[in-house]
Amino acid sequence: MAHDRDMRLTRIEDLIRRLLRRQAEPHLAKALGKMHAAEVAQIFSHLITEERQAAFRVVRNPRHRAQILTECDPHVGRELLEPMTNEEIATLIEELGSDDARYLMEMLPEERQTEVVGLMGAKETETLQDMMAYPPDSAGSIMTDSYVALLENTTVEEAIAQLRQASQEVEYIFYVYVVDDARNLRGVISLRQLLLAKPHQKLSDVMTPNVWRVNVLADQEHVAQLISRYNILAIPVVDEAGILVGLVTVDDVLDVLRDEATEDILKMFGTHHTEEVTSLSTVKLAWVRLPWLAVSWLGSLVSAYFIAQFSNELAKVLALAAFIPVINGTAGNVGAQGVAIMVRGLATGKVHPKAWFRTVLKQGAVGLILGGCFGILLYTLAIWQYPDVMYLGLIVGLSICISIVTSATLSAVLPFALHFLRLDPALMTGPFVTTCMDLVSVLVYFNIARFFLTMAG
């Protein structure tokens, strides 16, 4: 089914290109108007700048245009917004909820943000300014003000009537939130609970108290973890006084989880978390990748220096050089695997920092099993390939075993250490583990080799 959908979008993409070449704007507008905004945004991501701007111009419905922009990646959205007037942008933003409005505003340069806000109505301006005041990546930055909150002394019958009225303005109604006269959050009622309750009952008698909630300044990743962990469709956002100020919905959380996962993956492999192949220049792409590659390069130079210090051992047994890539590569891969597991575990809450010792011990045990397996294999290979070289099998077998155990342990310790230092574990682990394991593997390998070769005389 997914494959059929991709083929369909590919065919539509080809159709859009043909219509653009023929300048058949009415047909193009009709085709885009029938498509979901997310599909249009996906197609736009494959078009060049001139094509997507020309296609976007023919979309006339302001709401559809606004929805397309909210589905686009930021660099695509910026390209589409750039030729538009401030009046046009203000009109589009007024079509959106507060969370999507902020997303669009953040695509604009600061000077244009001020100009666009000045063109909007007083109510929209106040709402948007409140949203923009919250720090990026906080619950306040992704929450929406589109929700239903009713007083606790409202009856079920009155609540259902008010819901019917609110449905014209509120896009999604997952739950009804119950507040007191000061708008302090008291509880929550699902639509099922509301429909099954007796008409004369008060909401305070039907509601579920002690509802999950998050502070407006809570990290968005923490909010995503709560919604994912407890399988809820939305979570209320309150300020320091406990007053209900917004709602984070599951669709916003999916975007957060995707963005956070992408950011972690890019950081783990030593690239900048905002790196986009289609949005940065060639020089910029090279520049953001250079620092971490330089770290790995310097680490390799240090490894080469250490290898040179063991030139006597290499001169005695040239076969030692044949196993350096095997030992370094295997230990590095074990470290990369361990880091990926740990970083995602910490990000999703599956790995708890308080259980660091048990986790490190477990990863070390996994490394011991892997090290034992590869040690036996490499020992067998060495004595079969080089039967005349005394102790070679023992040297390479012990070396790969110790290197793998060290790598597995280090890949667990380093993310915890960065977390306790309040640094992003994904930021430094990839390049650091790779570089450290190269150094450790070389030192372990040649020191074991020196010990056995000295013993052999």
Protein backbone atom coordinates (compact mmCIF):
# COMPACT_ATOMS: atom_id res chain seq x y z
CA MET A 1 0.00 0.00 0.00
CA ALA A 2 2.81 2.43 0.88
CA HIS A 3 4.60 1.54 -2.36
CA ASP A 4 1.42 2.22 -4.39
CA ARG A 5 1.07 5.59 -2.66
CA ASP A 6 4.67 6.54 -3.47
CA MET A 7 4.14 5.58 -7.13
CA ARG A 8 0.99 7.71 -7.20
CA LEU A 9 2.84 10.74 -5.86
CA THR A 10 5.64 10.16 -8.36
CA ARG A 11 3.13 10.19 -11.21
CA ILE A 12 1.50 13.36 -9.83
CA GLU A 13 4.95 14.97 -9.53
CA ASP A 14 5.61 14.25 -13.22
CA LEU A 15 2.17 15.62 -14.08
CA ILE A 16 2.86 18.86 -12.16
CA ARG A 17 6.14 19.33 -14.03
CA ARG A 18 4.38 18.87 -17.38
CA LEU A 19 1.63 21.33 -16.44
CA LEU A 20 4.25 23.86 -15.34
CA ARG A 21 6.08 23.55 -18.66
CA ARG A 22 2.81 24.05 -20.54
CA GLN A 23 1.81 26.91 -18.20
CA ALA A 24 -1.55 25.21 -17.71
CA GLU A 25 -2.34 27.04 -14.49
CA PRO A 26 -6.09 26.22 -14.26
CA HIS A 27 -5.42 22.47 -14.54
CA LEU A 28 -2.52 22.72 -12.09
CA ALA A 29 -4.63 24.64 -9.56
CA LYS A 30 -7.38 22.03 -9.83
CA ALA A 31 -4.92 19.15 -9.30
CA LEU A 32 -3.25 20.73 -6.27
CA GLY A 33 -6.58 21.80 -4.79
CA LYS A 34 -7.77 18.19 -4.64
CA MET A 35 -4.65 16.92 -2.87
CA HIS A 36 -3.97 16.75 0.86
CA ALA A 37 -1.60 19.47 2.06
CA ALA A 38 0.92 16.86 3.28
CA GLU A 39 1.06 15.28 -0.17
CA VAL A 40 1.56 18.64 -1.84
CA ALA A 41 4.39 19.42 0.59
CA GLN A 42 6.01 16.06 -0.14
CA ILE A 43 5.91 16.73 -3.88
CA PHE A 44 7.24 20.27 -3.38
CA SER A 45 10.28 18.83 -1.59
CA HIS A 46 11.30 17.12 -4.88
CA LEU A 47 10.85 20.18 -7.09
CA ILE A 48 13.46 22.86 -7.70
CA THR A 49 12.89 26.33 -6.21
CA GLU A 50 11.41 27.88 -9.35
CA GLU A 51 9.02 24.97 -9.88
CA ARG A 52 7.68 24.90 -6.34
CA GLN A 53 7.22 28.67 -6.24
CA ALA A 54 5.34 28.62 -9.54
CA ALA A 55 3.15 25.73 -8.38
CA PHE A 56 2.43 27.37 -5.03
CA ARG A 57 1.31 30.61 -6.72
CA VAL A 58 -1.60 28.86 -8.43
CA VAL A 59 -3.07 27.58 -5.15
CA ARG A 60 -5.78 30.15 -4.42
CA ASN A 61 -7.48 28.89 -1.26
CA PRO A 62 -5.78 30.72 1.67
CA ARG A 63 -6.44 27.90 4.13
CA HIS A 64 -5.05 25.25 1.78
CA ARG A 65 -1.98 27.43 1.12
CA ALA A 66 -1.43 27.86 4.86
CA GLN A 67 -1.77 24.11 5.51
CA ILE A 68 0.72 23.32 2.75
CA LEU A 69 3.26 25.64 4.36
CA THR A 70 2.84 23.98 7.77
CA GLU A 71 3.57 20.59 6.19
CA CYS A 72 6.71 21.79 4.40
CA ASP A 73 10.21 21.51 5.82
CA PRO A 74 11.46 24.91 7.08
CA HIS A 75 13.88 25.49 4.20
CA VAL A 76 11.12 24.82 1.65
CA GLY A 77 8.69 27.03 3.56
CA ARG A 78 11.19 29.89 3.58
CA GLU A 79 11.55 29.66 -0.20
CA LEU A 80 7.78 29.78 -0.66
CA LEU A 81 7.29 32.69 1.74
CA GLU A 82 10.15 34.82 0.41
CA PRO A 83 8.37 36.28 -2.70
CA MET A 84 5.07 36.82 -0.84
CA THR A 85 4.01 40.20 0.53
CA ASN A 86 3.61 40.73 4.27
CA GLU A 87 -0.14 41.18 3.78
CA GLU A 88 -0.41 37.77 2.11
CA ILE A 89 1.59 36.12 4.88
CA ALA A 90 -0.56 37.74 7.59
CA THR A 91 -3.69 36.42 5.86
CA LEU A 92 -2.28 32.89 5.80
CA ILE A 93 -1.23 32.98 9.47
CA GLU A 94 -4.73 34.06 10.51
CA GLU A 95 -6.02 30.81 8.95
CA LEU A 96 -3.96 28.68 11.34
CA GLY A 97 -3.98 27.62 14.97
CA SER A 98 -1.45 29.13 17.32
CA ASP A 99 1.06 26.25 17.10
CA ASP A 100 1.12 26.20 13.29
CA ALA A 101 1.17 30.02 13.21
CA ARG A 102 4.35 30.03 15.27
CA TYR A 103 5.89 27.44 12.93
CA LEU A 104 5.26 29.74 9.97
CA MET A 105 6.49 32.83 11.79
CA GLU A 106 9.78 31.13 12.66
CA MET A 107 10.45 30.68 8.94
CA LEU A 108 10.57 34.47 8.50
CA PRO A 109 13.50 36.78 9.26
CA GLU A 110 13.02 38.76 12.48
CA GLU A 111 12.36 42.06 10.71
CA ARG A 112 9.58 40.52 8.63
CA GLN A 113 8.09 38.85 11.70
CA THR A 114 7.57 42.28 13.27
CA GLU A 115 6.05 43.66 10.09
CA VAL A 116 3.66 40.72 9.67
CA VAL A 117 2.49 40.86 13.29
CA GLY A 118 1.71 44.55 12.83
CA LEU A 119 -0.73 43.69 10.02
CA MET A 120 -2.74 41.17 12.04
CA GLY A 121 -5.78 41.73 14.22
CA ALA A 122 -5.43 42.55 17.91
CA LYS A 123 -6.61 39.13 19.11
CA GLU A 124 -4.37 37.18 16.72
CA THR A 125 -1.43 39.44 17.53
CA GLU A 126 -1.80 38.91 21.27
CA THR A 127 -2.09 35.12 20.87
CA LEU A 128 0.91 34.94 18.56
CA GLN A 129 3.09 37.16 20.75
CA ASP A 130 2.27 34.97 23.74
CA MET A 131 3.30 31.88 21.77
CA MET A 132 6.52 33.46 20.48
CA ALA A 133 7.48 34.40 24.05
CA TYR A 134 8.03 30.76 24.99
CA PRO A 135 11.51 29.28 24.44
CA PRO A 136 12.06 27.11 21.37
CA ASP A 137 11.71 23.35 22.00
CA SER A 138 9.45 23.96 25.01
CA ALA A 139 5.88 22.74 25.51
CA GLY A 140 4.70 26.33 25.08
CA SER A 141 6.28 26.55 21.64
CA ILE A 142 4.31 23.59 20.23
CA MET A 143 1.03 23.87 22.14
CA THR A 144 -2.23 25.04 20.62
CA ASP A 145 -4.86 27.29 22.14
CA SER A 146 -7.59 25.33 20.34
CA TYR A 147 -9.20 23.23 23.07
CA VAL A 148 -12.39 22.98 25.14
CA ALA A 149 -12.28 23.88 28.84
CA LEU A 150 -15.49 24.04 30.89
CA LEU A 151 -16.23 25.03 34.49
CA GLU A 152 -16.51 22.21 37.02
CA ASN A 153 -20.09 23.10 38.02
CA THR A 154 -21.34 22.75 34.42
CA THR A 155 -23.81 19.91 33.93
CA VAL A 156 -23.27 17.17 31.36
CA GLU A 157 -26.24 18.40 29.33
CA GLU A 158 -24.86 21.96 29.25
CA ALA A 159 -21.39 20.65 28.39
CA ILE A 160 -22.65 18.74 25.34
CA ALA A 161 -24.48 21.86 24.14
CA GLN A 162 -21.33 23.96 24.55
CA LEU A 163 -19.30 21.32 22.71
CA ARG A 164 -21.59 21.60 19.70
CA GLN A 165 -20.99 25.35 19.61
CA ALA A 166 -17.24 25.00 20.14
CA SER A 167 -16.91 22.46 17.30
CA GLN A 168 -17.11 25.34 14.82
CA GLU A 169 -13.90 26.88 16.17
CA VAL A 170 -11.96 24.00 17.73
CA GLU A 171 -10.31 21.76 15.12
CA TYR A 172 -9.82 18.66 17.27
CA ILE A 173 -11.80 17.72 20.36
CA PHE A 174 -10.12 14.78 22.06
CA TYR A 175 -11.04 15.59 25.64
CA VAL A 176 -12.99 18.14 27.65
CA TYR A 177 -10.86 19.81 30.33
CA VAL A 178 -12.46 20.85 33.59
CA VAL A 179 -11.33 24.08 35.27
CA ASP A 180 -12.38 26.16 38.26
CA ASP A 181 -13.32 29.85 38.19
CA ALA A 182 -9.62 30.84 38.09
CA ARG A 183 -9.01 28.43 35.14
CA ASN A 184 -6.92 26.10 37.28
CA LEU A 185 -6.95 22.63 35.75
CA ARG A 186 -9.04 20.27 37.89
CA GLY A 187 -9.61 17.23 35.70
CA VAL A 188 -10.41 15.76 32.30
CA ILE A 189 -13.38 13.99 30.70
CA SER A 190 -13.23 11.85 27.57
CA LEU A 191 -16.02 12.17 25.04
CA ARG A 192 -17.11 8.62 25.89
CA GLN A 193 -17.41 9.50 29.58
CA LEU A 194 -19.41 12.60 28.68
CA LEU A 195 -21.87 10.77 26.44
CA LEU A 196 -22.46 7.96 28.95
CA ALA A 197 -22.95 10.26 31.96
CA LYS A 198 -26.36 11.33 33.20
CA PRO A 199 -27.48 14.73 31.84
CA HIS A 200 -27.96 16.34 35.28
CA GLN A 201 -24.55 15.31 36.66
CA LYS A 202 -21.92 17.99 37.16
CA LEU A 203 -18.57 17.70 35.41
CA SER A 204 -16.81 17.65 38.78
CA ASP A 205 -18.61 14.35 39.55
CA VAL A 206 -17.79 12.76 36.19
CA MET A 207 -14.24 13.97 35.53
CA THR A 208 -11.00 12.10 36.08
CA PRO A 209 -8.94 14.14 38.57
CA ASN A 210 -5.14 14.27 38.78
CA VAL A 211 -4.82 14.44 35.01
CA TRP A 212 -1.38 14.28 33.40
CA ARG A 213 -0.12 17.78 32.69
CA VAL A 214 3.13 19.52 31.76
CA ASN A 215 4.55 22.91 32.58
CA VAL A 216 4.63 25.43 29.77
CA LEU A 217 8.46 25.49 29.95
CA ALA A 218 8.87 21.68 29.90
CA ASP A 219 11.12 20.30 27.18
CA GLN A 220 9.15 19.20 24.12
CA GLU A 221 10.97 15.87 24.06
CA HIS A 222 9.73 15.16 27.62
CA VAL A 223 6.19 15.98 26.49
CA ALA A 224 6.54 13.57 23.56
CA GLN A 225 7.75 10.84 25.90
CA LEU A 226 4.71 11.25 28.17
CA ILE A 227 2.20 11.09 25.32
CA SER A 228 3.98 8.09 23.81
CA ARG A 229 4.35 6.27 27.13
CA TYR A 230 0.76 6.66 28.32
CA ASN A 231 -0.95 6.42 24.89
CA ILE A 232 -2.93 9.63 25.24
CA LEU A 233 -4.07 11.82 22.36
CA ALA A 234 -3.25 15.15 24.00
CA ILE A 235 -1.74 16.56 27.17
CA PRO A 236 -2.74 19.87 28.83
CA VAL A 237 -0.14 22.60 29.38
CA VAL A 238 -0.28 24.74 32.53
CA ASP A 239 1.71 27.72 33.77
CA GLU A 240 3.50 28.03 37.12
CA ALA A 241 0.19 28.74 38.90
CA GLY A 242 -1.50 25.65 37.46
CA ILE A 243 -3.68 27.64 35.06
CA LEU A 244 -4.54 25.87 31.80
CA VAL A 245 -2.92 27.75 28.90
CA GLY A 246 -2.80 25.27 26.05
CA LEU A 247 -2.74 21.75 24.71
CA VAL A 248 -0.11 19.60 23.00
CA THR A 249 -1.70 17.11 20.61
CA VAL A 250 -0.40 13.80 19.30
CA ASP A 251 0.19 15.18 15.77
CA ASP A 252 2.59 17.78 17.17
CA VAL A 253 4.35 15.05 19.17
CA LEU A 254 4.91 12.95 16.04
CA ASP A 255 6.72 15.92 14.48
CA VAL A 256 8.81 16.33 17.64
CA LEU A 257 9.79 12.65 17.74
CA ARG A 258 10.76 12.73 14.07
CA ASP A 259 12.79 15.93 14.44
CA GLU A 260 14.51 14.76 17.64
CA ALA A 261 15.41 11.39 16.10
CA THR A 262 16.81 13.11 13.01
CA GLU A 263 18.78 15.53 15.18
CA ASP A 264 20.23 12.71 17.29
CA ILE A 265 21.25 10.70 14.24
CA LEU A 266 22.99 13.68 12.61
CA LYS A 267 24.78 14.60 15.83
CA MET A 268 25.89 11.03 16.48
CA PHE A 269 27.67 10.92 13.16
CA GLY A 270 29.36 14.26 13.65
CA THR A 271 27.23 16.51 11.46
CA HIS A 272 25.30 19.60 12.44
CA HIS A 273 21.74 18.93 13.60
CA THR A 274 20.27 21.50 11.19
CA GLU A 275 22.17 20.17 8.19
CA GLU A 276 19.92 19.87 5.14
CA VAL A 277 21.42 18.79 1.82
CA THR A 278 18.95 20.86 -0.14
CA SER A 279 19.09 24.02 1.97
CA LEU A 280 22.80 24.62 2.62
CA SER A 281 25.49 25.62 0.17
CA THR A 282 28.34 23.26 -0.69
CA VAL A 283 30.80 25.32 1.35
CA LYS A 284 28.42 25.41 4.36
CA LEU A 285 27.84 21.65 4.16
CA ALA A 286 31.58 21.05 4.20
CA TRP A 287 32.12 23.54 7.04
CA VAL A 288 29.58 22.03 9.44
CA ARG A 289 31.04 18.53 8.92
CA LEU A 290 34.68 19.60 9.17
CA PRO A 291 35.13 19.92 12.98
CA TRP A 292 34.15 16.35 13.88
CA LEU A 293 35.99 14.90 10.91
CA ALA A 294 39.03 16.83 12.15
CA VAL A 295 38.62 15.15 15.56
CA SER A 296 38.63 11.72 13.90
CA TRP A 297 41.57 12.71 11.72
CA LEU A 298 43.62 13.85 14.71
CA GLY A 299 42.71 10.65 16.52
CA SER A 300 43.97 8.63 13.56
CA LEU A 301 47.25 10.57 13.64
CA VAL A 302 47.65 9.74 17.32
CA SER A 303 46.95 6.07 16.53
CA ALA A 304 49.60 6.18 13.80
CA TYR A 305 52.04 7.65 16.32
CA PHE A 306 51.36 4.83 18.78
CA ILE A 307 51.79 2.22 16.06
CA ALA A 308 55.16 3.76 15.19
CA GLN A 309 56.23 3.28 18.82
CA PHE A 310 55.82 -0.47 18.34
CA SER A 311 57.89 -0.66 15.16
CA ASN A 312 60.22 -3.26 16.75
CA GLU A 313 57.32 -5.62 17.32
CA LEU A 314 56.07 -5.07 13.77
CA ALA A 315 59.57 -5.71 12.43
CA LYS A 316 59.76 -9.02 14.32
CA VAL A 317 56.28 -10.18 13.31
CA LEU A 318 55.02 -8.47 10.18
CA ALA A 319 51.79 -10.48 10.40
CA LEU A 320 50.71 -8.22 13.29
CA ALA A 321 49.95 -5.45 10.79
CA ALA A 322 47.42 -7.64 8.97
CA PHE A 323 45.08 -7.74 11.96
CA ILE A 324 45.05 -4.02 12.87
CA PRO A 325 42.03 -3.16 10.64
CA VAL A 326 40.10 -6.19 11.93
CA ILE A 327 40.56 -5.32 15.59
CA ASN A 328 40.02 -1.55 15.17
CA GLY A 329 37.03 -1.96 12.86
CA THR A 330 35.21 -4.54 14.99
CA ALA A 331 35.74 -2.61 18.23
CA GLY A 332 34.60 0.61 16.54
CA ASN A 333 31.43 -1.01 15.20
CA VAL A 334 30.58 -2.43 18.62
CA GLY A 335 31.01 1.05 20.09
CA ALA A 336 28.82 2.65 17.39
CA GLN A 337 26.07 0.09 18.03
CA GLY A 338 26.24 0.65 21.78
CA VAL A 339 26.12 4.41 21.42
CA ALA A 340 23.07 4.25 19.14
CA ILE A 341 21.22 2.07 21.66
CA MET A 342 22.15 4.28 24.61
CA VAL A 343 21.38 7.63 22.96
CA ARG A 344 17.95 6.50 21.77
CA GLY A 345 17.26 4.86 25.13
CA LEU A 346 18.02 8.08 26.98
CA ALA A 347 16.02 10.13 24.46
CA THR A 348 12.91 7.94 24.71
CA GLY A 349 13.14 7.33 28.46
CA LYS A 350 13.71 3.58 28.05
CA VAL A 351 17.13 3.98 29.70
CA HIS A 352 17.01 5.76 33.04
CA PRO A 353 20.10 7.68 34.26
CA LYS A 354 19.59 6.43 37.83
CA ALA A 355 20.10 2.86 36.61
CA TRP A 356 23.45 3.73 35.02
CA PHE A 357 25.53 1.13 36.88
CA ARG A 358 23.24 -1.77 35.97
CA THR A 359 23.09 -0.60 32.35
CA VAL A 360 26.87 -0.25 32.06
CA LEU A 361 27.32 -3.68 33.65
CA LYS A 362 24.87 -5.21 31.20
CA GLN A 363 26.58 -3.61 28.20
CA GLY A 364 29.94 -4.82 29.49
CA ALA A 365 28.55 -8.37 29.74
CA VAL A 366 27.26 -8.12 26.17
CA GLY A 367 30.74 -6.98 25.12
CA LEU A 368 32.28 -9.95 26.92
CA ILE A 369 30.08 -12.42 25.01
CA LEU A 370 30.78 -10.71 21.67
CA GLY A 371 34.46 -10.40 22.49
CA GLY A 372 34.69 -14.09 23.38
CA CYS A 373 33.03 -15.12 20.11
CA PHE A 374 35.19 -12.92 17.90
CA GLY A 375 38.29 -13.74 19.96
CA ILE A 376 37.87 -17.47 19.32
CA LEU A 377 37.21 -16.88 15.61
CA LEU A 378 40.24 -14.63 15.18
CA TYR A 379 42.43 -17.01 17.21
CA THR A 380 41.44 -19.89 14.90
CA LEU A 381 42.02 -17.82 11.77
CA ALA A 382 45.46 -16.61 12.94
CA ILE A 383 46.85 -20.05 13.79
CA TRP A 384 45.48 -21.41 10.49
CA GLN A 385 46.88 -18.61 8.34
CA TYR A 386 50.16 -18.10 10.24
CA PRO A 387 50.97 -21.46 11.90
CA ASP A 388 54.67 -20.63 12.25
CA VAL A 389 54.22 -17.38 14.21
CA MET A 390 54.34 -18.21 17.92
CA TYR A 391 51.59 -16.70 20.12
CA LEU A 392 49.98 -14.79 17.19
CA GLY A 393 46.61 -16.48 17.67
CA LEU A 394 46.65 -15.73 21.40
CA ILE A 395 47.71 -12.12 20.78
CA VAL A 396 44.97 -11.28 18.28
CA GLY A 397 42.30 -13.29 20.13
CA LEU A 398 42.92 -11.56 23.47
CA SER A 399 43.28 -8.17 21.81
CA ILE A 400 39.95 -8.24 19.99
CA CYS A 401 38.20 -9.62 23.09
CA ILE A 402 39.54 -6.88 25.39
CA SER A 403 38.96 -4.18 22.77
CA ILE A 404 35.31 -5.20 22.29
CA VAL A 405 34.63 -5.34 26.03
CA THR A 406 36.23 -1.91 26.44
CA SER A 407 34.27 -0.51 23.50
CA ALA A 408 30.94 -1.84 24.75
CA THR A 409 31.57 -0.44 28.23
CA LEU A 410 32.77 2.92 26.95
CA SER A 411 29.75 3.26 24.66
CA ALA A 412 27.53 2.96 27.75
CA VAL A 413 29.59 5.14 30.08
CA LEU A 414 30.14 8.09 27.73
CA PRO A 415 26.44 8.93 27.04
CA PHE A 416 25.71 8.77 30.79
CA ALA A 417 28.69 11.01 31.54
CA LEU A 418 27.53 13.62 29.01
CA HIS A 419 23.97 13.41 30.36
CA PHE A 420 25.14 14.03 33.93
CA LEU A 421 27.19 17.00 32.67
CA ARG A 422 23.97 18.34 31.07
CA LEU A 423 25.38 17.95 27.57
CA ASP A 424 23.53 16.29 24.71
CA PRO A 425 24.72 12.64 24.61
CA ALA A 426 24.21 12.54 20.84
CA LEU A 427 26.48 15.53 20.26
CA MET A 428 29.85 13.97 21.04
CA THR A 429 29.45 10.21 21.28
CA GLY A 430 29.85 9.11 17.65
CA PRO A 431 33.18 10.78 16.78
CA PHE A 432 34.49 10.40 20.35
CA VAL A 433 33.80 6.67 20.60
CA THR A 434 35.28 6.00 17.15
CA THR A 435 38.44 7.97 17.92
CA CYS A 436 38.82 6.60 21.45
CA MET A 437 38.38 3.01 20.31
CA ASP A 438 41.04 3.40 17.63
CA LEU A 439 43.48 4.54 20.29
CA VAL A 440 42.45 1.93 22.86
CA SER A 441 42.54 -0.93 20.33
CA VAL A 442 46.03 -0.02 19.14
CA LEU A 443 47.38 0.26 22.68
CA VAL A 444 45.75 -3.00 23.81
CA TYR A 445 46.88 -4.89 20.71
CA PHE A 446 50.52 -3.86 20.71
CA ASN A 447 51.02 -4.05 24.46
CA ILE A 448 49.71 -7.63 24.44
CA ALA A 449 51.94 -8.32 21.43
CA ARG A 450 54.98 -6.85 23.23
CA PHE A 451 54.30 -8.94 26.34
CA PHE A 452 54.09 -12.26 24.46
CA LEU A 453 56.94 -11.50 22.07
CA THR A 454 59.18 -10.53 25.00
CA MET A 455 58.21 -13.75 26.78
CA ALA A 456 59.05 -15.72 23.65
CA GLY A 457 62.47 -14.11 23.57
